[in-house]
Amino acid sequence: MQKIDDGFLRLDAQTGQVSFCREKAGNWTCETVADDRAALEAEIKRLNDRIAALENKRNDPQERFRTPSDQEIEQVMGFFEKMMKRFRGVVENLKKEWETEVPNKG
């Protein structure tokens, strides 16, 4: 039990349920505190199901050794093209900086 302003919070050690207990008209009453336990348990189940599906997919030989689709190849090639253009820009900027710092000896 934990003392709070208007009473006590009571934790059920077996279920994890929290109750708010207070004195009303000379009698102590406890009411269940609304929590997101059901929502959290549903989310845990959803995530566990997703993990199981991904593990099954990973272990499926048809998925494991499939060739990438044209769309996946285009996506990867677009990424590399963008990366190479940025890298080329960095190299060109460094080259310009180098040329302005080191005069030609010729």
PDB file of N, CA and C in Angstrom:
ATOM      1  N   MET A   1       0.841  -1.183   0.000  1.00  0.00           N
ATOM      2  CA  MET A   1       0.000   0.000   0.000  1.00  0.00           C
ATOM      3  C   MET A   1       0.881   1.240   0.000  1.00  0.00           C
ATOM      4  N   GLN A   2       0.383   2.259  -0.667  1.00  0.00           N
ATOM      5  CA  GLN A   2       1.095   3.526  -0.751  1.00  0.00           C
ATOM      6  C   GLN A   2       0.135   4.644  -0.367  1.00  0.00           C
ATOM      7  N   LYS A   3       0.513   5.422   0.629  1.00  0.00           N
ATOM      8  CA  LYS A   3      -0.314   6.545   1.089  1.00  0.00           C
ATOM      9  C   LYS A   3      -0.295   7.640   0.038  1.00  0.00           C
ATOM     10  N   ILE A   4      -1.478   8.148  -0.294  1.00  0.00           N
ATOM     11  CA  ILE A   4      -1.612   9.318  -1.164  1.00  0.00           C
ATOM     12  C   ILE A   4      -2.559  10.293  -0.482  1.00  0.00           C
ATOM     13  N   ASP A   5      -2.808  11.430  -1.101  1.00  0.00           N
ATOM     14  CA  ASP A   5      -3.584  12.505  -0.470  1.00  0.00           C
ATOM     15  C   ASP A   5      -4.918  12.049   0.106  1.00  0.00           C
ATOM     16  N   ASP A   6      -5.735  11.384  -0.692  1.00  0.00           N
ATOM     17  CA  ASP A   6      -7.105  11.057  -0.273  1.00  0.00           C
ATOM     18  C   ASP A   6      -7.275   9.644   0.267  1.00  0.00           C
ATOM     19  N   GLY A   7      -6.204   8.871   0.345  1.00  0.00           N
ATOM     20  CA  GLY A   7      -6.335   7.489   0.804  1.00  0.00           C
ATOM     21  C   GLY A   7      -5.069   6.705   0.536  1.00  0.00           C
ATOM     22  N   PHE A   8      -5.248   5.504  -0.039  1.00  0.00           N
ATOM     23  CA  PHE A   8      -4.128   4.615  -0.314  1.00  0.00           C
ATOM     24  C   PHE A   8      -4.284   3.994  -1.695  1.00  0.00           C
ATOM     25  N   LEU A   9      -3.148   3.677  -2.302  1.00  0.00           N
ATOM     26  CA  LEU A   9      -3.144   2.855  -3.504  1.00  0.00           C
ATOM     27  C   LEU A   9      -2.715   1.463  -3.074  1.00  0.00           C
ATOM     28  N   ARG A  10      -3.475   0.468  -3.516  1.00  0.00           N
ATOM     29  CA  ARG A  10      -3.176  -0.917  -3.154  1.00  0.00           C
ATOM     30  C   ARG A  10      -2.851  -1.681  -4.426  1.00  0.00           C
ATOM     31  N   LEU A  11      -1.724  -2.410  -4.405  1.00  0.00           N
ATOM     32  CA  LEU A  11      -1.299  -3.208  -5.550  1.00  0.00           C
ATOM     33  C   LEU A  11      -1.505  -4.677  -5.232  1.00  0.00           C
ATOM     34  N   ASP A  12      -2.246  -5.357  -6.090  1.00  0.00           N
ATOM     35  CA  ASP A  12      -2.417  -6.802  -5.953  1.00  0.00           C
ATOM     36  C   ASP A  12      -1.173  -7.452  -6.553  1.00  0.00           C
ATOM     37  N   ALA A  13      -0.384  -8.098  -5.714  1.00  0.00           N
ATOM     38  CA  ALA A  13       0.896  -8.655  -6.147  1.00  0.00           C
ATOM     39  C   ALA A  13       0.739  -9.784  -7.162  1.00  0.00           C
ATOM     40  N   GLN A  14      -0.395 -10.450  -7.188  1.00  0.00           N
ATOM     41  CA  GLN A  14      -0.593 -11.554  -8.134  1.00  0.00           C
ATOM     42  C   GLN A  14      -1.066 -11.079  -9.498  1.00  0.00           C
ATOM     43  N   THR A  15      -1.993 -10.134  -9.530  1.00  0.00           N
ATOM     44  CA  THR A  15      -2.568  -9.703 -10.813  1.00  0.00           C
ATOM     45  C   THR A  15      -1.963  -8.410 -11.328  1.00  0.00           C
ATOM     46  N   GLY A  16      -1.346  -7.629 -10.442  1.00  0.00           N
ATOM     47  CA  GLY A  16      -0.820  -6.332 -10.835  1.00  0.00           C
ATOM     48  C   GLY A  16      -1.878  -5.250 -10.864  1.00  0.00           C
ATOM     49  N   GLN A  17      -3.085  -5.592 -10.489  1.00  0.00           N
ATOM     50  CA  GLN A  17      -4.193  -4.631 -10.477  1.00  0.00           C
ATOM     51  C   GLN A  17      -3.996  -3.616  -9.354  1.00  0.00           C
ATOM     52  N   VAL A  18      -4.254  -2.354  -9.652  1.00  0.00           N
ATOM     53  CA  VAL A  18      -4.121  -1.275  -8.674  1.00  0.00           C
ATOM     54  C   VAL A  18      -5.519  -0.809  -8.267  1.00  0.00           C
ATOM     55  N   SER A  19      -5.707  -0.624  -6.964  1.00  0.00           N
ATOM     56  CA  SER A  19      -6.983  -0.129  -6.438  1.00  0.00           C
ATOM     57  C   SER A  19      -6.733   1.120  -5.611  1.00  0.00           C
ATOM     58  N   PHE A  20      -7.712   2.024  -5.640  1.00  0.00           N
ATOM     59  CA  PHE A  20      -7.671   3.233  -4.823  1.00  0.00           C
ATOM     60  C   PHE A  20      -8.596   3.003  -3.635  1.00  0.00           C
ATOM     61  N   CYS A  21      -8.037   3.064  -2.431  1.00  0.00           N
ATOM     62  CA  CYS A  21      -8.810   2.806  -1.214  1.00  0.00           C
ATOM     63  C   CYS A  21      -8.913   4.095  -0.404  1.00  0.00           C
ATOM     64  N   ARG A  22     -10.135   4.355   0.101  1.00  0.00           N
ATOM     65  CA  ARG A  22     -10.349   5.541   0.931  1.00  0.00           C
ATOM     66  C   ARG A  22     -11.529   5.303   1.868  1.00  0.00           C
ATOM     67  N   GLU A  23     -11.591   6.140   2.850  1.00  0.00           N
ATOM     68  CA  GLU A  23     -12.666   6.032   3.826  1.00  0.00           C
ATOM     69  C   GLU A  23     -13.842   6.877   3.358  1.00  0.00           C
ATOM     70  N   LYS A  24     -15.031   6.252   3.349  1.00  0.00           N
ATOM     71  CA  LYS A  24     -16.267   6.950   2.989  1.00  0.00           C
ATOM     72  C   LYS A  24     -17.284   6.654   4.080  1.00  0.00           C
ATOM     73  N   ALA A  25     -17.747   7.681   4.728  1.00  0.00           N
ATOM     74  CA  ALA A  25     -18.787   7.556   5.764  1.00  0.00           C
ATOM     75  C   ALA A  25     -18.430   6.490   6.802  1.00  0.00           C
ATOM     76  N   GLY A  26     -17.183   6.494   7.220  1.00  0.00           N
ATOM     77  CA  GLY A  26     -16.747   5.567   8.261  1.00  0.00           C
ATOM     78  C   GLY A  26     -16.381   4.180   7.770  1.00  0.00           C
ATOM     79  N   ASN A  27     -16.548   3.892   6.492  1.00  0.00           N
ATOM     80  CA  ASN A  27     -16.192   2.583   5.923  1.00  0.00           C
ATOM     81  C   ASN A  27     -15.091   2.758   4.882  1.00  0.00           C
ATOM     82  N   TRP A  28     -14.192   1.793   4.828  1.00  0.00           N
ATOM     83  CA  TRP A  28     -13.143   1.809   3.815  1.00  0.00           C
ATOM     84  C   TRP A  28     -13.646   1.090   2.572  1.00  0.00           C
ATOM     85  N   THR A  29     -13.467   1.730   1.428  1.00  0.00           N
ATOM     86  CA  THR A  29     -13.838   1.115   0.152  1.00  0.00           C
ATOM     87  C   THR A  29     -12.661   1.207  -0.809  1.00  0.00           C
ATOM     88  N   CYS A  30     -12.555   0.225  -1.662  1.00  0.00           N
ATOM     89  CA  CYS A  30     -11.494   0.205  -2.672  1.00  0.00           C
ATOM     90  C   CYS A  30     -12.135   0.089  -4.050  1.00  0.00           C
ATOM     91  N   GLU A  31     -11.653   0.906  -4.971  1.00  0.00           N
ATOM     92  CA  GLU A  31     -12.146   0.882  -6.347  1.00  0.00           C
ATOM     93  C   GLU A  31     -10.969   0.612  -7.272  1.00  0.00           C
ATOM     94  N   THR A  32     -11.216  -0.199  -8.267  1.00  0.00           N
ATOM     95  CA  THR A  32     -10.169  -0.505  -9.236  1.00  0.00           C
ATOM     96  C   THR A  32      -9.800   0.759 -10.005  1.00  0.00           C
ATOM     97  N   VAL A  33      -8.514   0.982 -10.132  1.00  0.00           N
ATOM     98  CA  VAL A  33      -8.022   2.134 -10.885  1.00  0.00           C
ATOM     99  C   VAL A  33      -7.986   1.744 -12.359  1.00  0.00           C
ATOM    100  N   ALA A  34      -8.567   2.590 -13.192  1.00  0.00           N
ATOM    101  CA  ALA A  34      -8.540   2.332 -14.634  1.00  0.00           C
ATOM    102  C   ALA A  34      -7.098   2.402 -15.107  1.00  0.00           C
ATOM    103  N   ASP A  35      -6.705   1.418 -15.880  1.00  0.00           N
ATOM    104  CA  ASP A  35      -5.358   1.444 -16.437  1.00  0.00           C
ATOM    105  C   ASP A  35      -5.406   0.955 -17.876  1.00  0.00           C
ATOM    106  N   ASP A  36      -4.266   0.987 -18.497  1.00  0.00           N
ATOM    107  CA  ASP A  36      -4.171   0.579 -19.892  1.00  0.00           C
ATOM    108  C   ASP A  36      -3.677  -0.857 -20.014  1.00  0.00           C
ATOM    109  N   ARG A  37      -3.844  -1.642 -18.982  1.00  0.00           N
ATOM    110  CA  ARG A  37      -3.321  -3.007 -18.976  1.00  0.00           C
ATOM    111  C   ARG A  37      -3.840  -3.820 -20.164  1.00  0.00           C
ATOM    112  N   ALA A  38      -5.141  -3.765 -20.415  1.00  0.00           N
ATOM    113  CA  ALA A  38      -5.705  -4.539 -21.531  1.00  0.00           C
ATOM    114  C   ALA A  38      -5.116  -4.073 -22.857  1.00  0.00           C
ATOM    115  N   ALA A  39      -4.984  -2.770 -23.016  1.00  0.00           N
ATOM    116  CA  ALA A  39      -4.405  -2.241 -24.252  1.00  0.00           C
ATOM    117  C   ALA A  39      -2.948  -2.662 -24.388  1.00  0.00           C
ATOM    118  N   LEU A  40      -2.215  -2.624 -23.283  1.00  0.00           N
ATOM    119  CA  LEU A  40      -0.810  -3.036 -23.321  1.00  0.00           C
ATOM    120  C   LEU A  40      -0.684  -4.523 -23.636  1.00  0.00           C
ATOM    121  N   GLU A  41      -1.525  -5.338 -23.034  1.00  0.00           N
ATOM    122  CA  GLU A  41      -1.492  -6.775 -23.317  1.00  0.00           C
ATOM    123  C   GLU A  41      -1.853  -7.059 -24.772  1.00  0.00           C
ATOM    124  N   ALA A  42      -2.810  -6.316 -25.319  1.00  0.00           N
ATOM    125  CA  ALA A  42      -3.177  -6.487 -26.728  1.00  0.00           C
ATOM    126  C   ALA A  42      -2.008  -6.103 -27.634  1.00  0.00           C
ATOM    127  N   GLU A  43      -1.306  -5.036 -27.282  1.00  0.00           N
ATOM    128  CA  GLU A  43      -0.148  -4.604 -28.075  1.00  0.00           C
ATOM    129  C   GLU A  43       0.979  -5.629 -27.989  1.00  0.00           C
ATOM    130  N   ILE A  44       1.203  -6.185 -26.810  1.00  0.00           N
ATOM    131  CA  ILE A  44       2.226  -7.222 -26.649  1.00  0.00           C
ATOM    132  C   ILE A  44       1.880  -8.433 -27.514  1.00  0.00           C
ATOM    133  N   LYS A  45       0.604  -8.831 -27.507  1.00  0.00           N
ATOM    134  CA  LYS A  45       0.183  -9.968 -28.336  1.00  0.00           C
ATOM    135  C   LYS A  45       0.384  -9.663 -29.814  1.00  0.00           C
ATOM    136  N   ARG A  46       0.020  -8.454 -30.237  1.00  0.00           N
ATOM    137  CA  ARG A  46       0.183  -8.069 -31.647  1.00  0.00           C
ATOM    138  C   ARG A  46       1.657  -8.128 -32.046  1.00  0.00           C
ATOM    139  N   LEU A  47       2.530  -7.607 -31.175  1.00  0.00           N
ATOM    140  CA  LEU A  47       3.961  -7.610 -31.480  1.00  0.00           C
ATOM    141  C   LEU A  47       4.529  -9.031 -31.491  1.00  0.00           C
ATOM    142  N   ASN A  48       4.092  -9.865 -30.555  1.00  0.00           N
ATOM    143  CA  ASN A  48       4.546 -11.258 -30.548  1.00  0.00           C
ATOM    144  C   ASN A  48       4.098 -11.987 -31.805  1.00  0.00           C
ATOM    145  N   ASP A  49       2.870 -11.728 -32.255  1.00  0.00           N
ATOM    146  CA  ASP A  49       2.376 -12.332 -33.497  1.00  0.00           C
ATOM    147  C   ASP A  49       3.203 -11.861 -34.689  1.00  0.00           C
ATOM    148  N   ARG A  50       3.550 -10.585 -34.686  1.00  0.00           N
ATOM    149  CA  ARG A  50       4.351 -10.038 -35.788  1.00  0.00           C
ATOM    150  C   ARG A  50       5.745 -10.659 -35.804  1.00  0.00           C
ATOM    151  N   ILE A  51       6.343 -10.813 -34.622  1.00  0.00           N
ATOM    152  CA  ILE A  51       7.662 -11.443 -34.534  1.00  0.00           C
ATOM    153  C   ILE A  51       7.596 -12.868 -35.074  1.00  0.00           C
ATOM    154  N   ALA A  52       6.565 -13.609 -34.664  1.00  0.00           N
ATOM    155  CA  ALA A  52       6.415 -14.990 -35.134  1.00  0.00           C
ATOM    156  C   ALA A  52       6.268 -15.032 -36.656  1.00  0.00           C
ATOM    157  N   ALA A  53       5.481 -14.122 -37.218  1.00  0.00           N
ATOM    158  CA  ALA A  53       5.291 -14.091 -38.674  1.00  0.00           C
ATOM    159  C   ALA A  53       6.599 -13.770 -39.385  1.00  0.00           C
ATOM    160  N   LEU A  54       7.371 -12.822 -38.854  1.00  0.00           N
ATOM    161  CA  LEU A  54       8.655 -12.469 -39.464  1.00  0.00           C
ATOM    162  C   LEU A  54       9.652 -13.619 -39.367  1.00  0.00           C
ATOM    163  N   GLU A  55       9.656 -14.312 -38.226  1.00  0.00           N
ATOM    164  CA  GLU A  55      10.555 -15.458 -38.083  1.00  0.00           C
ATOM    165  C   GLU A  55      10.161 -16.579 -39.037  1.00  0.00           C
ATOM    166  N   ASN A  56       8.867 -16.813 -39.202  1.00  0.00           N
ATOM    167  CA  ASN A  56       8.416 -17.828 -40.156  1.00  0.00           C
ATOM    168  C   ASN A  56       8.809 -17.450 -41.578  1.00  0.00           C
ATOM    169  N   LYS A  57       8.667 -16.178 -41.907  1.00  0.00           N
ATOM    170  CA  LYS A  57       9.027 -15.704 -43.242  1.00  0.00           C
ATOM    171  C   LYS A  57      10.528 -15.858 -43.465  1.00  0.00           C
ATOM    172  N   ARG A  58      11.307 -15.545 -42.429  1.00  0.00           N
ATOM    173  CA  ARG A  58      12.763 -15.646 -42.539  1.00  0.00           C
ATOM    174  C   ARG A  58      13.186 -17.092 -42.775  1.00  0.00           C
ATOM    175  N   ASN A  59      12.469 -18.029 -42.179  1.00  0.00           N
ATOM    176  CA  ASN A  59      12.821 -19.439 -42.303  1.00  0.00           C
ATOM    177  C   ASN A  59      12.224 -20.108 -43.536  1.00  0.00           C
ATOM    178  N   ASP A  60      11.390 -19.395 -44.283  1.00  0.00           N
ATOM    179  CA  ASP A  60      10.775 -19.941 -45.488  1.00  0.00           C
ATOM    180  C   ASP A  60      11.809 -19.923 -46.621  1.00  0.00           C
ATOM    181  N   PRO A  61      12.189 -21.095 -47.163  1.00  0.00           N
ATOM    182  CA  PRO A  61      13.213 -21.136 -48.216  1.00  0.00           C
ATOM    183  C   PRO A  61      12.855 -20.294 -49.436  1.00  0.00           C
ATOM    184  N   GLN A  62      11.571 -20.203 -49.781  1.00  0.00           N
ATOM    185  CA  GLN A  62      11.186 -19.395 -50.943  1.00  0.00           C
ATOM    186  C   GLN A  62      11.442 -17.913 -50.692  1.00  0.00           C
ATOM    187  N   GLU A  63      11.244 -17.468 -49.469  1.00  0.00           N
ATOM    188  CA  GLU A  63      11.504 -16.066 -49.139  1.00  0.00           C
ATOM    189  C   GLU A  63      12.993 -15.820 -48.931  1.00  0.00           C
ATOM    190  N   ARG A  64      13.656 -16.802 -48.399  1.00  0.00           N
ATOM    191  CA  ARG A  64      15.061 -16.642 -48.043  1.00  0.00           C
ATOM    192  C   ARG A  64      15.943 -16.478 -49.281  1.00  0.00           C
ATOM    193  N   PHE A  65      15.632 -17.198 -50.344  1.00  0.00           N
ATOM    194  CA  PHE A  65      16.493 -17.203 -51.520  1.00  0.00           C
ATOM    195  C   PHE A  65      15.839 -16.570 -52.741  1.00  0.00           C
ATOM    196  N   ARG A  66      14.879 -15.717 -52.532  1.00  0.00           N
ATOM    197  CA  ARG A  66      14.208 -15.095 -53.670  1.00  0.00           C
ATOM    198  C   ARG A  66      15.078 -13.967 -54.226  1.00  0.00           C
ATOM    199  N   THR A  67      14.927 -13.715 -55.505  1.00  0.00           N
ATOM    200  CA  THR A  67      15.645 -12.597 -56.109  1.00  0.00           C
ATOM    201  C   THR A  67      14.844 -11.323 -55.875  1.00  0.00           C
ATOM    202  N   PRO A  68      15.531 -10.200 -55.786  1.00  0.00           N
ATOM    203  CA  PRO A  68      14.806  -8.949 -55.542  1.00  0.00           C
ATOM    204  C   PRO A  68      13.937  -8.573 -56.741  1.00  0.00           C
ATOM    205  N   SER A  69      12.855  -7.876 -56.454  1.00  0.00           N
ATOM    206  CA  SER A  69      11.957  -7.419 -57.520  1.00  0.00           C
ATOM    207  C   SER A  69      12.590  -6.235 -58.240  1.00  0.00           C
ATOM    208  N   ASP A  70      12.052  -5.911 -59.411  1.00  0.00           N
ATOM    209  CA  ASP A  70      12.550  -4.753 -60.159  1.00  0.00           C
ATOM    210  C   ASP A  70      12.418  -3.481 -59.326  1.00  0.00           C
ATOM    211  N   GLN A  71      11.324  -3.373 -58.603  1.00  0.00           N
ATOM    212  CA  GLN A  71      11.111  -2.190 -57.764  1.00  0.00           C
ATOM    213  C   GLN A  71      12.183  -2.098 -56.673  1.00  0.00           C
ATOM    214  N   GLU A  72      12.516  -3.231 -56.053  1.00  0.00           N
ATOM    215  CA  GLU A  72      13.550  -3.225 -55.019  1.00  0.00           C
ATOM    216  C   GLU A  72      14.912  -2.859 -55.604  1.00  0.00           C
ATOM    217  N   ILE A  73      15.202  -3.366 -56.797  1.00  0.00           N
ATOM    218  CA  ILE A  73      16.471  -3.036 -57.454  1.00  0.00           C
ATOM    219  C   ILE A  73      16.525  -1.549 -57.772  1.00  0.00           C
ATOM    220  N   GLU A  74      15.433  -1.007 -58.313  1.00  0.00           N
ATOM    221  CA  GLU A  74      15.383   0.426 -58.624  1.00  0.00           C
ATOM    222  C   GLU A  74      15.567   1.273 -57.365  1.00  0.00           C
ATOM    223  N   GLN A  75      14.975   0.836 -56.275  1.00  0.00           N
ATOM    224  CA  GLN A  75      15.097   1.571 -55.016  1.00  0.00           C
ATOM    225  C   GLN A  75      16.555   1.596 -54.555  1.00  0.00           C
ATOM    226  N   VAL A  76      17.223   0.456 -54.616  1.00  0.00           N
ATOM    227  CA  VAL A  76      18.625   0.383 -54.197  1.00  0.00           C
ATOM    228  C   VAL A  76      19.503   1.201 -55.139  1.00  0.00           C
ATOM    229  N   MET A  77      19.260   1.084 -56.428  1.00  0.00           N
ATOM    230  CA  MET A  77      20.063   1.838 -57.395  1.00  0.00           C
ATOM    231  C   MET A  77      19.862   3.342 -57.215  1.00  0.00           C
ATOM    232  N   GLY A  78      18.642   3.757 -56.935  1.00  0.00           N
ATOM    233  CA  GLY A  78      18.385   5.174 -56.672  1.00  0.00           C
ATOM    234  C   GLY A  78      19.145   5.659 -55.453  1.00  0.00           C
ATOM    235  N   PHE A  79      19.194   4.832 -54.424  1.00  0.00           N
ATOM    236  CA  PHE A  79      19.947   5.183 -53.217  1.00  0.00           C
ATOM    237  C   PHE A  79      21.429   5.347 -53.543  1.00  0.00           C
ATOM    238  N   PHE A  80      22.010   4.373 -54.273  1.00  0.00           N
ATOM    239  CA  PHE A  80      23.429   4.450 -54.600  1.00  0.00           C
ATOM    240  C   PHE A  80      23.734   5.631 -55.513  1.00  0.00           C
ATOM    241  N   GLU A  81      22.842   5.907 -56.457  1.00  0.00           N
ATOM    242  CA  GLU A  81      23.043   7.042 -57.352  1.00  0.00           C
ATOM    243  C   GLU A  81      23.076   8.348 -56.558  1.00  0.00           C
ATOM    244  N   LYS A  82      22.142   8.507 -55.659  1.00  0.00           N
ATOM    245  CA  LYS A  82      22.097   9.707 -54.824  1.00  0.00           C
ATOM    246  C   LYS A  82      23.353   9.809 -53.958  1.00  0.00           C
ATOM    247  N   MET A  83      23.772   8.687 -53.387  1.00  0.00           N
ATOM    248  CA  MET A  83      24.957   8.678 -52.540  1.00  0.00           C
ATOM    249  C   MET A  83      26.203   9.055 -53.346  1.00  0.00           C
ATOM    250  N   MET A  84      26.339   8.507 -54.549  1.00  0.00           N
ATOM    251  CA  MET A  84      27.513   8.796 -55.373  1.00  0.00           C
ATOM    252  C   MET A  84      27.536  10.259 -55.816  1.00  0.00           C
ATOM    253  N   LYS A  85      26.375  10.831 -56.128  1.00  0.00           N
ATOM    254  CA  LYS A  85      26.324  12.250 -56.499  1.00  0.00           C
ATOM    255  C   LYS A  85      26.762  13.127 -55.331  1.00  0.00           C
ATOM    256  N   ARG A  86      26.307  12.794 -54.138  1.00  0.00           N
ATOM    257  CA  ARG A  86      26.707  13.568 -52.957  1.00  0.00           C
ATOM    258  C   ARG A  86      28.206  13.414 -52.704  1.00  0.00           C
ATOM    259  N   PHE A  87      28.719  12.193 -52.859  1.00  0.00           N
ATOM    260  CA  PHE A  87      30.141  11.947 -52.645  1.00  0.00           C
ATOM    261  C   PHE A  87      30.963  12.727 -53.671  1.00  0.00           C
ATOM    262  N   ARG A  88      30.510  12.723 -54.924  1.00  0.00           N
ATOM    263  CA  ARG A  88      31.220  13.464 -55.970  1.00  0.00           C
ATOM    264  C   ARG A  88      31.241  14.961 -55.638  1.00  0.00           C
ATOM    265  N   GLY A  89      30.119  15.480 -55.130  1.00  0.00           N
ATOM    266  CA  GLY A  89      30.071  16.888 -54.733  1.00  0.00           C
ATOM    267  C   GLY A  89      31.055  17.191 -53.617  1.00  0.00           C
ATOM    268  N   VAL A  90      31.173  16.298 -52.657  1.00  0.00           N
ATOM    269  CA  VAL A  90      32.136  16.487 -51.563  1.00  0.00           C
ATOM    270  C   VAL A  90      33.551  16.501 -52.114  1.00  0.00           C
ATOM    271  N   VAL A  91      33.867  15.562 -53.014  1.00  0.00           N
ATOM    272  CA  VAL A  91      35.211  15.492 -53.601  1.00  0.00           C
ATOM    273  C   VAL A  91      35.509  16.762 -54.390  1.00  0.00           C
ATOM    274  N   GLU A  92      34.549  17.242 -55.171  1.00  0.00           N
ATOM    275  CA  GLU A  92      34.762  18.463 -55.952  1.00  0.00           C
ATOM    276  C   GLU A  92      34.992  19.666 -55.042  1.00  0.00           C
ATOM    277  N   ASN A  93      34.236  19.763 -53.955  1.00  0.00           N
ATOM    278  CA  ASN A  93      34.444  20.861 -53.007  1.00  0.00           C
ATOM    279  C   ASN A  93      35.814  20.778 -52.352  1.00  0.00           C
ATOM    280  N   LEU A  94      36.236  19.592 -51.987  1.00  0.00           N
ATOM    281  CA  LEU A  94      37.564  19.426 -51.391  1.00  0.00           C
ATOM    282  C   LEU A  94      38.655  19.784 -52.394  1.00  0.00           C
ATOM    283  N   LYS A  95      38.444  19.404 -53.655  1.00  0.00           N
ATOM    284  CA  LYS A  95      39.419  19.715 -54.699  1.00  0.00           C
ATOM    285  C   LYS A  95      39.539  21.229 -54.877  1.00  0.00           C
ATOM    286  N   LYS A  96      38.406  21.938 -54.878  1.00  0.00           N
ATOM    287  CA  LYS A  96      38.429  23.400 -55.007  1.00  0.00           C
ATOM    288  C   LYS A  96      39.148  24.036 -53.823  1.00  0.00           C
ATOM    289  N   GLU A  97      38.868  23.542 -52.621  1.00  0.00           N
ATOM    290  CA  GLU A  97      39.542  24.068 -51.434  1.00  0.00           C
ATOM    291  C   GLU A  97      41.044  23.823 -51.512  1.00  0.00           C
ATOM    292  N   TRP A  98      41.416  22.643 -51.971  1.00  0.00           N
ATOM    293  CA  TRP A  98      42.831  22.294 -52.068  1.00  0.00           C
ATOM    294  C   TRP A  98      43.532  23.207 -53.078  1.00  0.00           C
ATOM    295  N   GLU A  99      42.877  23.456 -54.212  1.00  0.00           N
ATOM    296  CA  GLU A  99      43.472  24.288 -55.256  1.00  0.00           C
ATOM    297  C   GLU A  99      43.642  25.729 -54.795  1.00  0.00           C
ATOM    298  N   THR A 100      42.738  26.237 -53.963  1.00  0.00           N
ATOM    299  CA  THR A 100      42.874  27.619 -53.491  1.00  0.00           C
ATOM    300  C   THR A 100      43.905  27.730 -52.376  1.00  0.00           C
ATOM    301  N   GLU A 101      44.138  26.660 -51.644  1.00  0.00           N
ATOM    302  CA  GLU A 101      45.107  26.694 -50.549  1.00  0.00           C
ATOM    303  C   GLU A 101      46.521  26.425 -51.030  1.00  0.00           C
ATOM    304  N   VAL A 102      46.690  25.592 -52.047  1.00  0.00           N
ATOM    305  CA  VAL A 102      48.018  25.232 -52.542  1.00  0.00           C
ATOM    306  C   VAL A 102      48.171  25.814 -53.948  1.00  0.00           C
ATOM    307  N   PRO A 103      48.971  26.877 -54.083  1.00  0.00           N
ATOM    308  CA  PRO A 103      49.149  27.468 -55.419  1.00  0.00           C
ATOM    309  C   PRO A 103      49.946  26.521 -56.328  1.00  0.00           C
ATOM    310  N   ASN A 104      49.657  26.624 -57.638  1.00  0.00           N
ATOM    311  CA  ASN A 104      50.371  25.800 -58.617  1.00  0.00           C
ATOM    312  C   ASN A 104      51.830  26.199 -58.667  1.00  0.00           C
ATOM    313  N   LYS A 105      52.690  25.197 -58.692  1.00  0.00           N
ATOM    314  CA  LYS A 105      54.133  25.452 -58.838  1.00  0.00           C
ATOM    315  C   LYS A 105      54.500  25.083 -60.269  1.00  0.00           C
ATOM    316  N   GLY A 106      54.358  25.958 -61.149  1.00  0.00           N
ATOM    317  CA  GLY A 106      54.612  25.564 -62.507  1.00  0.00           C
ATOM    318  C   GLY A 106      55.204  26.546 -63.314  1.00  0.00           C
TER     319      GLY A 106
END
